[in-house]
C-alpha cells in the first residue's frame, strides 16, 4: 500500500524559511515524478512544483519561482520543498503527490498524480 507522509510544516514569520519533506513507501518510486501542491483557505488547489526521476523540475506560479526549490533523494524515496522568503500568501496546506508513470518531464496537473499525502500546514505570519 502506497503511503506518502509529509512533514516540515509549521508557523513562520514572513521572510523565513521552511523545508518540507515527503517520504513515499509501499512501492517503487525511482522512476516516478513527485510533486507538491497547495490549497490556501477559500482557494483552489494549486500546483507548486514537481520533479521527475530524471531530475527535471517544473514550477507553478511565478510567485514561487526563485523562492522555492524542489529536490529529491531517490535512495530515500523522499522529495523536498525548500521554501525561502516566505510570504503570508504562501499560507496553505501543502500536499505531496506521486505520479508513478515513467515520464521525463513531471506533470503539473493534479489529475496526473496517483497518490497523495495528507498534507502539512504552512502558516506565514506578517
Foldseek 3Di string as FASTA:
>chain_A
DKAKAKDWADEEAAQAKIKMKIFIDDDQALQKKKFKWWDDPPGDIFGAKIAGSLRAIDGGDPVQPPFWDWDADNVRNMIMIIGGRDDQVVWTWMKMFIQRDRDHHDDRDPVRTDDIHPTDTHGYHD
